[in-house]
C-alpha atoms as a PDB file:
ATOM      1  CA  UNK A   1     -64.244  50.834-100.419  1.00  0.00           C
ATOM      2  CA  UNK A   2     -61.421  49.230-100.484  1.00  0.00           C
ATOM      3  CA  UNK A   3     -59.180  51.855 -99.171  1.00  0.00           C
ATOM      4  CA  UNK A   4     -61.747  52.682 -96.212  1.00  0.00           C
ATOM      5  CA  UNK A   5     -61.175  49.264 -94.882  1.00  0.00           C
ATOM      6  CA  UNK A   6     -57.703  49.122 -95.280  1.00  0.00           C
ATOM      7  CA  UNK A   7     -57.509  52.479 -92.992  1.00  0.00           C
ATOM      8  CA  UNK A   8     -60.392  51.164 -90.783  1.00  0.00           C
ATOM      9  CA  UNK A   9     -58.219  48.371 -90.174  1.00  0.00           C
ATOM     10  CA  UNK A  10     -54.798  50.446 -89.684  1.00  0.00           C
ATOM     11  CA  UNK A  11     -56.278  52.679 -87.292  1.00  0.00           C
ATOM     12  CA  UNK A  12     -57.846  50.197 -85.230  1.00  0.00           C
ATOM     13  CA  UNK A  13     -54.717  47.903 -84.714  1.00  0.00           C
ATOM     14  CA  UNK A  14     -52.978  51.509 -84.211  1.00  0.00           C
ATOM     15  CA  UNK A  15     -55.776  52.330 -81.268  1.00  0.00           C
ATOM     16  CA  UNK A  16     -55.391  49.035 -79.733  1.00  0.00           C
ATOM     17  CA  UNK A  17     -51.634  48.857 -79.256  1.00  0.00           C
ATOM     18  CA  UNK A  18     -50.646  52.417 -78.906  1.00  0.00           C
ATOM     19  CA  UNK A  19     -52.377  55.922 -78.122  1.00  0.00           C
ATOM     20  CA  UNK A  20     -51.109  59.351 -77.155  1.00  0.00           C
ATOM     21  CA  UNK A  21     -52.477  62.396 -75.337  1.00  0.00           C
ATOM     22  CA  UNK A  22     -51.026  65.904 -74.426  1.00  0.00           C
ATOM     23  CA  UNK A  23     -49.354  64.491 -71.662  1.00  0.00           C
ATOM     24  CA  UNK A  24     -48.260  60.647 -72.257  1.00  0.00           C
ATOM     25  CA  UNK A  25     -47.970  57.600 -74.858  1.00  0.00           C
ATOM     26  CA  UNK A  26     -49.438  54.619 -74.182  1.00  0.00           C
ATOM     27  CA  UNK A  27     -48.133  51.237 -75.839  1.00  0.00           C
ATOM     28  CA  UNK A  28     -49.439  47.930 -74.510  1.00  0.00           C
ATOM     29  CA  UNK A  29     -46.795  45.512 -73.667  1.00  0.00           C
ATOM     30  CA  UNK A  30     -46.175  42.585 -70.695  1.00  0.00           C
ATOM     31  CA  UNK A  31     -44.937  43.300 -67.505  1.00  0.00           C
ATOM     32  CA  UNK A  32     -41.486  45.149 -67.959  1.00  0.00           C
ATOM     33  CA  UNK A  33     -39.111  43.884 -65.837  1.00  0.00           C
ATOM     34  CA  UNK A  34     -37.411  47.172 -64.675  1.00  0.00           C
ATOM     35  CA  UNK A  35     -34.214  47.671 -62.583  1.00  0.00           C
ATOM     36  CA  UNK A  36     -31.248  49.772 -62.088  1.00  0.00           C
ATOM     37  CA  UNK A  37     -28.130  48.343 -63.560  1.00  0.00           C
ATOM     38  CA  UNK A  38     -25.729  47.997 -60.319  1.00  0.00           C
ATOM     39  CA  UNK A  39     -23.303  45.861 -61.507  1.00  0.00           C
ATOM     40  CA  UNK A  40     -19.588  46.246 -61.369  1.00  0.00           C
ATOM     41  CA  UNK A  41     -16.605  44.117 -62.125  1.00  0.00           C
ATOM     42  CA  UNK A  42     -14.706  43.670 -58.571  1.00  0.00           C
ATOM     43  CA  UNK A  43     -13.493  40.500 -57.593  1.00  0.00           C
ATOM     44  CA  UNK A  44     -14.284  38.628 -54.589  1.00  0.00           C
ATOM     45  CA  UNK A  45     -12.010  40.346 -51.718  1.00  0.00           C
ATOM     46  CA  UNK A  46      -9.466  38.620 -49.940  1.00  0.00           C
ATOM     47  CA  UNK A  47     -10.265  40.066 -46.449  1.00  0.00           C
ATOM     48  CA  UNK A  48      -8.286  38.970 -43.886  1.00  0.00           C
ATOM     49  CA  UNK A  49      -9.520  38.295 -40.134  1.00  0.00           C
ATOM     50  CA  UNK A  50      -7.801  40.444 -37.257  1.00  0.00           C
ATOM     51  CA  UNK A  51      -5.507  38.662 -34.704  1.00  0.00           C
ATOM     52  CA  UNK A  52      -7.575  38.634 -31.438  1.00  0.00           C
ATOM     53  CA  UNK A  53      -4.408  38.327 -29.311  1.00  0.00           C
ATOM     54  CA  UNK A  54      -3.749  42.006 -30.503  1.00  0.00           C
ATOM     55  CA  UNK A  55      -7.182  43.475 -29.305  1.00  0.00           C
ATOM     56  CA  UNK A  56      -8.585  44.003 -25.775  1.00  0.00           C
ATOM     57  CA  UNK A  57     -12.226  44.145 -26.229  1.00  0.00           C
ATOM     58  CA  UNK A  58     -14.941  43.882 -29.090  1.00  0.00           C
ATOM     59  CA  UNK A  59     -18.431  45.260 -30.154  1.00  0.00           C
ATOM     60  CA  UNK A  60     -21.081  43.613 -32.041  1.00  0.00           C
ATOM     61  CA  UNK A  61     -23.242  44.975 -34.906  1.00  0.00           C
ATOM     62  CA  UNK A  62     -26.000  43.155 -37.017  1.00  0.00           C
ATOM     63  CA  UNK A  63     -26.474  44.707 -40.494  1.00  0.00           C
ATOM     64  CA  UNK A  64     -29.981  44.504 -42.224  1.00  0.00           C
ATOM     65  CA  UNK A  65     -29.352  44.849 -46.200  1.00  0.00           C
ATOM     66  CA  UNK A  66     -31.433  47.295 -47.667  1.00  0.00           C
ATOM     67  CA  UNK A  67     -34.214  45.861 -50.045  1.00  0.00           C
ATOM     68  CA  UNK A  68     -32.530  46.875 -52.910  1.00  0.00           C
ATOM     69  CA  UNK A  69     -29.589  45.084 -52.328  1.00  0.00           C
ATOM     70  CA  UNK A  70     -31.235  42.131 -50.904  1.00  0.00           C
ATOM     71  CA  UNK A  71     -32.844  41.677 -53.819  1.00  0.00           C
ATOM     72  CA  UNK A  72     -29.349  40.942 -55.431  1.00  0.00           C
ATOM     73  CA  UNK A  73     -28.076  38.981 -52.448  1.00  0.00           C
ATOM     74  CA  UNK A  74     -26.406  35.582 -52.681  1.00  0.00           C
ATOM     75  CA  UNK A  75     -24.460  32.844 -50.269  1.00  0.00           C
ATOM     76  CA  UNK A  76     -21.132  34.296 -52.236  1.00  0.00           C
ATOM     77  CA  UNK A  77     -21.685  37.661 -50.176  1.00  0.00           C
ATOM     78  CA  UNK A  78     -19.377  38.821 -47.387  1.00  0.00           C
ATOM     79  CA  UNK A  79     -19.198  41.985 -45.310  1.00  0.00           C
ATOM     80  CA  UNK A  80     -16.505  43.446 -42.906  1.00  0.00           C
ATOM     81  CA  UNK A  81     -15.596  46.334 -40.672  1.00  0.00           C
ATOM     82  CA  UNK A  82     -12.155  48.478 -41.166  1.00  0.00           C
ATOM     83  CA  UNK A  83     -10.675  51.035 -39.111  1.00  0.00           C
ATOM     84  CA  UNK A  84      -8.015  52.887 -41.050  1.00  0.00           C
ATOM     85  CA  UNK A  85      -6.731  50.441 -43.681  1.00  0.00           C
ATOM     86  CA  UNK A  86      -6.939  47.325 -41.254  1.00  0.00           C
ATOM     87  CA  UNK A  87      -9.770  44.563 -41.397  1.00  0.00           C
ATOM     88  CA  UNK A  88     -11.180  44.079 -37.879  1.00  0.00           C
ATOM     89  CA  UNK A  89     -13.751  41.442 -38.222  1.00  0.00           C
ATOM     90  CA  UNK A  90     -13.944  38.033 -39.287  1.00  0.00           C
ATOM     91  CA  UNK A  91     -15.579  38.373 -42.963  1.00  0.00           C
ATOM     92  CA  UNK A  92     -18.972  37.701 -42.655  1.00  0.00           C
ATOM     93  CA  UNK A  93     -21.266  35.955 -44.662  1.00  0.00           C
ATOM     94  CA  UNK A  94     -25.009  36.511 -44.947  1.00  0.00           C
ATOM     95  CA  UNK A  95     -28.013  35.014 -42.804  1.00  0.00           C
ATOM     96  CA  UNK A  96     -31.576  35.144 -44.255  1.00  0.00           C
ATOM     97  CA  UNK A  97     -34.749  35.200 -42.187  1.00  0.00           C
ATOM     98  CA  UNK A  98     -38.058  33.407 -43.088  1.00  0.00           C
ATOM     99  CA  UNK A  99     -39.266  36.940 -44.450  1.00  0.00           C
ATOM    100  CA  UNK A 100     -36.254  37.090 -46.823  1.00  0.00           C
ATOM    101  CA  UNK A 101     -34.470  39.906 -44.741  1.00  0.00           C
ATOM    102  CA  UNK A 102     -30.672  39.595 -45.234  1.00  0.00           C
ATOM    103  CA  UNK A 103     -28.712  40.368 -42.276  1.00  0.00           C
ATOM    104  CA  UNK A 104     -24.845  39.933 -41.333  1.00  0.00           C
ATOM    105  CA  UNK A 105     -23.432  39.894 -37.911  1.00  0.00           C
ATOM    106  CA  UNK A 106     -20.133  41.172 -37.254  1.00  0.00           C
ATOM    107  CA  UNK A 107     -17.545  41.496 -34.328  1.00  0.00           C
ATOM    108  CA  UNK A 108     -15.302  43.952 -34.333  1.00  0.00           C
ATOM    109  CA  UNK A 109     -12.112  43.935 -32.646  1.00  0.00           C
ATOM    110  CA  UNK A 110     -10.377  46.968 -30.928  1.00  0.00           C
ATOM    111  CA  UNK A 111      -8.916  48.681 -27.723  1.00  0.00           C
ATOM    112  CA  UNK A 112     -10.622  50.923 -25.080  1.00  0.00           C
ATOM    113  CA  UNK A 113      -8.063  53.605 -26.184  1.00  0.00           C
ATOM    114  CA  UNK A 114      -9.628  54.151 -29.719  1.00  0.00           C
ATOM    115  CA  UNK A 115     -11.168  57.434 -29.858  1.00  0.00           C
ATOM    116  CA  UNK A 116     -13.061  58.903 -32.679  1.00  0.00           C
ATOM    117  CA  UNK A 117     -11.717  56.454 -35.256  1.00  0.00           C
ATOM    118  CA  UNK A 118     -12.436  55.969 -38.789  1.00  0.00           C
ATOM    119  CA  UNK A 119     -14.841  53.214 -39.481  1.00  0.00           C
ATOM    120  CA  UNK A 120     -15.316  51.647 -43.027  1.00  0.00           C
ATOM    121  CA  UNK A 121     -18.432  49.290 -43.530  1.00  0.00           C
ATOM    122  CA  UNK A 122     -17.733  47.214 -47.021  1.00  0.00           C
ATOM    123  CA  UNK A 123     -19.977  44.886 -48.302  1.00  0.00           C
ATOM    124  CA  UNK A 124     -19.705  42.733 -51.596  1.00  0.00           C
ATOM    125  CA  UNK A 125     -22.139  41.975 -53.722  1.00  0.00           C
ATOM    126  CA  UNK A 126     -21.351  38.333 -55.693  1.00  0.00           C
ATOM    127  CA  UNK A 127     -24.206  38.266 -57.834  1.00  0.00           C
ATOM    128  CA  UNK A 128     -23.476  42.572 -58.472  1.00  0.00           C
ATOM    129  CA  UNK A 129     -19.579  41.904 -58.871  1.00  0.00           C
ATOM    130  CA  UNK A 130     -19.192  45.294 -56.762  1.00  0.00           C
ATOM    131  CA  UNK A 131     -17.931  46.382 -53.215  1.00  0.00           C
ATOM    132  CA  UNK A 132     -20.095  49.021 -51.680  1.00  0.00           C
ATOM    133  CA  UNK A 133     -18.173  51.273 -49.154  1.00  0.00           C
ATOM    134  CA  UNK A 134     -19.484  53.580 -46.158  1.00  0.00           C
ATOM    135  CA  UNK A 135     -17.387  55.441 -44.028  1.00  0.00           C
ATOM    136  CA  UNK A 136     -17.771  57.349 -40.814  1.00  0.00           C
ATOM    137  CA  UNK A 137     -16.138  58.435 -37.640  1.00  0.00           C
ATOM    138  CA  UNK A 138     -16.883  57.005 -34.525  1.00  0.00           C
ATOM    139  CA  UNK A 139     -15.910  56.227 -30.834  1.00  0.00           C
ATOM    140  CA  UNK A 140     -15.206  52.315 -30.137  1.00  0.00           C
ATOM    141  CA  UNK A 141     -18.109  51.564 -28.217  1.00  0.00           C
ATOM    142  CA  UNK A 142     -16.631  48.602 -25.897  1.00  0.00           C
ATOM    143  CA  UNK A 143     -19.030  45.086 -25.563  1.00  0.00           C
ATOM    144  CA  UNK A 144     -21.733  47.329 -27.257  1.00  0.00           C
ATOM    145  CA  UNK A 145     -24.538  45.698 -29.469  1.00  0.00           C
ATOM    146  CA  UNK A 146     -25.991  47.489 -32.187  1.00  0.00           C
ATOM    147  CA  UNK A 147     -28.745  46.065 -34.684  1.00  0.00           C
ATOM    148  CA  UNK A 148     -30.134  43.719 -32.222  1.00  0.00           C
ATOM    149  CA  UNK A 149     -32.713  45.339 -30.603  1.00  0.00           C
ATOM    150  CA  UNK A 150     -34.131  46.962 -33.915  1.00  0.00           C
ATOM    151  CA  UNK A 151     -32.825  46.883 -37.537  1.00  0.00           C
ATOM    152  CA  UNK A 152     -29.567  48.669 -38.244  1.00  0.00           C
ATOM    153  CA  UNK A 153     -29.796  49.233 -42.246  1.00  0.00           C
ATOM    154  CA  UNK A 154     -27.100  51.599 -43.410  1.00  0.00           C
ATOM    155  CA  UNK A 155     -27.664  52.745 -46.679  1.00  0.00           C
ATOM    156  CA  UNK A 156     -25.311  50.826 -48.599  1.00  0.00           C
ATOM    157  CA  UNK A 157     -26.432  52.130 -51.682  1.00  0.00           C
ATOM    158  CA  UNK A 158     -24.512  55.491 -50.910  1.00  0.00           C
ATOM    159  CA  UNK A 159     -21.666  53.569 -51.805  1.00  0.00           C
ATOM    160  CA  UNK A 160     -21.980  52.930 -55.248  1.00  0.00           C
ATOM    161  CA  UNK A 161     -19.877  55.074 -57.195  1.00  0.00           C
ATOM    162  CA  UNK A 162     -21.520  54.149 -60.617  1.00  0.00           C
ATOM    163  CA  UNK A 163     -24.556  56.648 -59.251  1.00  0.00           C
ATOM    164  CA  UNK A 164     -23.006  59.047 -56.765  1.00  0.00           C
ATOM    165  CA  UNK A 165     -25.901  60.883 -56.359  1.00  0.00           C
ATOM    166  CA  UNK A 166     -29.093  59.295 -54.884  1.00  0.00           C
ATOM    167  CA  UNK A 167     -32.875  60.389 -53.541  1.00  0.00           C
ATOM    168  CA  UNK A 168     -35.800  59.384 -52.107  1.00  0.00           C
ATOM    169  CA  UNK A 169     -38.622  59.618 -54.912  1.00  0.00           C
ATOM    170  CA  UNK A 170     -42.197  59.295 -53.752  1.00  0.00           C
ATOM    171  CA  UNK A 171     -44.764  58.919 -57.161  1.00  0.00           C
ATOM    172  CA  UNK A 172     -48.445  60.059 -56.181  1.00  0.00           C
ATOM    173  CA  UNK A 173     -51.446  59.255 -58.475  1.00  0.00           C
ATOM    174  CA  UNK A 174     -53.869  61.592 -58.979  1.00  0.00           C
ATOM    175  CA  UNK A 175     -57.190  61.927 -58.493  1.00  0.00           C
ATOM    176  CA  UNK A 176     -58.468  60.815 -61.712  1.00  0.00           C
ATOM    177  CA  UNK A 177     -56.344  58.252 -63.882  1.00  0.00           C
ATOM    178  CA  UNK A 178     -57.038  56.648 -67.100  1.00  0.00           C
ATOM    179  CA  UNK A 179     -56.898  53.501 -65.755  1.00  0.00           C
ATOM    180  CA  UNK A 180     -57.944  51.658 -62.570  1.00  0.00           C
ATOM    181  CA  UNK A 181     -54.787  51.291 -60.151  1.00  0.00           C
ATOM    182  CA  UNK A 182     -54.008  47.707 -59.274  1.00  0.00           C
ATOM    183  CA  UNK A 183     -51.355  46.041 -56.700  1.00  0.00           C
ATOM    184  CA  UNK A 184     -49.228  44.382 -59.880  1.00  0.00           C
ATOM    185  CA  UNK A 185     -48.515  48.140 -61.171  1.00  0.00           C
ATOM    186  CA  UNK A 186     -45.446  49.656 -60.966  1.00  0.00           C
ATOM    187  CA  UNK A 187     -43.529  53.156 -61.631  1.00  0.00           C
ATOM    188  CA  UNK A 188     -39.999  53.799 -63.049  1.00  0.00           C
ATOM    189  CA  UNK A 189     -37.837  56.943 -63.705  1.00  0.00           C
ATOM    190  CA  UNK A 190     -35.285  56.705 -66.698  1.00  0.00           C
ATOM    191  CA  UNK A 191     -32.596  58.814 -68.216  1.00  0.00           C
ATOM    192  CA  UNK A 192     -32.910  58.071 -72.028  1.00  0.00           C
ATOM    193  CA  UNK A 193     -33.510  54.286 -72.184  1.00  0.00           C
ATOM    194  CA  UNK A 194     -31.469  53.607 -69.128  1.00  0.00           C
ATOM    195  CA  UNK A 195     -33.225  53.077 -65.796  1.00  0.00           C
ATOM    196  CA  UNK A 196     -33.002  55.024 -62.742  1.00  0.00           C
ATOM    197  CA  UNK A 197     -35.377  53.631 -59.932  1.00  0.00           C
ATOM    198  CA  UNK A 198     -38.260  51.474 -59.249  1.00  0.00           C
ATOM    199  CA  UNK A 199     -41.046  51.166 -57.211  1.00  0.00           C
ATOM    200  CA  UNK A 200     -44.917  51.294 -56.484  1.00  0.00           C
ATOM    201  CA  UNK A 201     -47.080  54.292 -56.400  1.00  0.00           C
ATOM    202  CA  UNK A 202     -47.563  55.821 -52.982  1.00  0.00           C
ATOM    203  CA  UNK A 203     -44.495  54.532 -51.559  1.00  0.00           C
ATOM    204  CA  UNK A 204     -40.560  56.135 -51.589  1.00  0.00           C
ATOM    205  CA  UNK A 205     -38.283  54.331 -53.601  1.00  0.00           C
ATOM    206  CA  UNK A 206     -34.055  55.254 -54.417  1.00  0.00           C
ATOM    207  CA  UNK A 207     -33.772  56.977 -57.621  1.00  0.00           C
ATOM    208  CA  UNK A 208     -29.881  57.148 -58.680  1.00  0.00           C
ATOM    209  CA  UNK A 209     -28.246  59.843 -60.785  1.00  0.00           C
ATOM    210  CA  UNK A 210     -25.089  60.762 -62.303  1.00  0.00           C
ATOM    211  CA  UNK A 211     -25.281  64.224 -61.242  1.00  0.00           C
ATOM    212  CA  UNK A 212     -27.355  66.602 -59.429  1.00  0.00           C
ATOM    213  CA  UNK A 213     -28.832  68.273 -62.189  1.00  0.00           C
ATOM    214  CA  UNK A 214     -29.901  65.342 -63.856  1.00  0.00           C
ATOM    215  CA  UNK A 215     -33.734  64.975 -65.164  1.00  0.00           C
ATOM    216  CA  UNK A 216     -35.541  62.226 -65.659  1.00  0.00           C
ATOM    217  CA  UNK A 217     -38.637  60.895 -67.304  1.00  0.00           C
ATOM    218  CA  UNK A 218     -41.340  58.647 -65.823  1.00  0.00           C
ATOM    219  CA  UNK A 219     -43.031  55.431 -67.288  1.00  0.00           C
ATOM    220  CA  UNK A 220     -46.007  53.807 -65.582  1.00  0.00           C
ATOM    221  CA  UNK A 221     -47.096  50.064 -65.917  1.00  0.00           C
ATOM    222  CA  UNK A 222     -51.062  49.490 -65.697  1.00  0.00           C
ATOM    223  CA  UNK A 223     -51.686  45.665 -65.115  1.00  0.00           C
ATOM    224  CA  UNK A 224     -55.011  46.292 -66.299  1.00  0.00           C
ATOM    225  CA  UNK A 225     -54.465  48.274 -69.485  1.00  0.00           C
ATOM    226  CA  UNK A 226     -51.650  45.952 -70.060  1.00  0.00           C
ATOM    227  CA  UNK A 227     -49.283  48.555 -71.269  1.00  0.00           C
ATOM    228  CA  UNK A 228     -46.917  51.101 -70.312  1.00  0.00           C
ATOM    229  CA  UNK A 229     -47.299  54.813 -70.024  1.00  0.00           C
ATOM    230  CA  UNK A 230     -44.536  56.881 -70.758  1.00  0.00           C
ATOM    231  CA  UNK A 231     -45.134  60.596 -69.510  1.00  0.00           C
ATOM    232  CA  UNK A 232     -44.137  63.766 -71.044  1.00  0.00           C
ATOM    233  CA  UNK A 233     -43.504  65.349 -66.976  1.00  0.00           C
ATOM    234  CA  UNK A 234     -40.245  65.513 -65.638  1.00  0.00           C
ATOM    235  CA  UNK A 235     -38.385  64.743 -62.639  1.00  0.00           C
ATOM    236  CA  UNK A 236     -35.936  67.133 -61.323  1.00  0.00           C
ATOM    237  CA  UNK A 237     -35.108  67.252 -57.494  1.00  0.00           C
ATOM    238  CA  UNK A 238     -38.757  66.933 -56.021  1.00  0.00           C
ATOM    239  CA  UNK A 239     -38.856  64.340 -53.558  1.00  0.00           C
ATOM    240  CA  UNK A 240     -42.458  63.936 -54.332  1.00  0.00           C
ATOM    241  CA  UNK A 241     -44.627  64.204 -57.678  1.00  0.00           C
ATOM    242  CA  UNK A 242     -47.771  63.687 -58.750  1.00  0.00           C
ATOM    243  CA  UNK A 243     -48.258  62.062 -61.887  1.00  0.00           C
ATOM    244  CA  UNK A 244     -49.574  64.530 -64.895  1.00  0.00           C
ATOM    245  CA  UNK A 245     -51.872  62.147 -67.303  1.00  0.00           C
END
């Protein structure tokens, strides 16, 4: 009788805290603070503003940060545009609107003779201690403006050398799940114990990989169940997956 009582107690506690099925394991947990580690070791750059007397014209751009970067933005951030190796803007500080969007306004100096030039956009995130760099070839558009009539959101995350392969992933829930979905639920993908992307079901989010062939695992936090489902399902190169509970 004593042994039966002990076994009943142990099994009862285990079923409350953890369970398994053919497709997942479940463990009770507080809401996890999953995030991708984008931190680096870059020092704040000493970008130098151009001498305006050397240039006959200018163009303006207003850059909006991607949401993933805006979450780490602080007043120590800087942004600048280079043509070749030459800084062509006064290094810009951030502006934050009422909804929390982060913007940088840049006046790019140049000359009308500059055609098909190599532009480089550089963003320094003080909190992450990392410089994100994007390059492209464009014509210098005298007195033109970009990003003012509609948001200009360049994919600066592509400039993160730590994770050179990035993909947009949408995770969908099946018609039946072992829980009632809620607004506080979150989903994430992992390489081992390393978080590689966080989002919510039904909305695209960025997945970070070190190589093209890297396969990732999926975890889903259910608020109503107060726990995490670790699925046995793997994520390859798909852009949309349906979770298999």
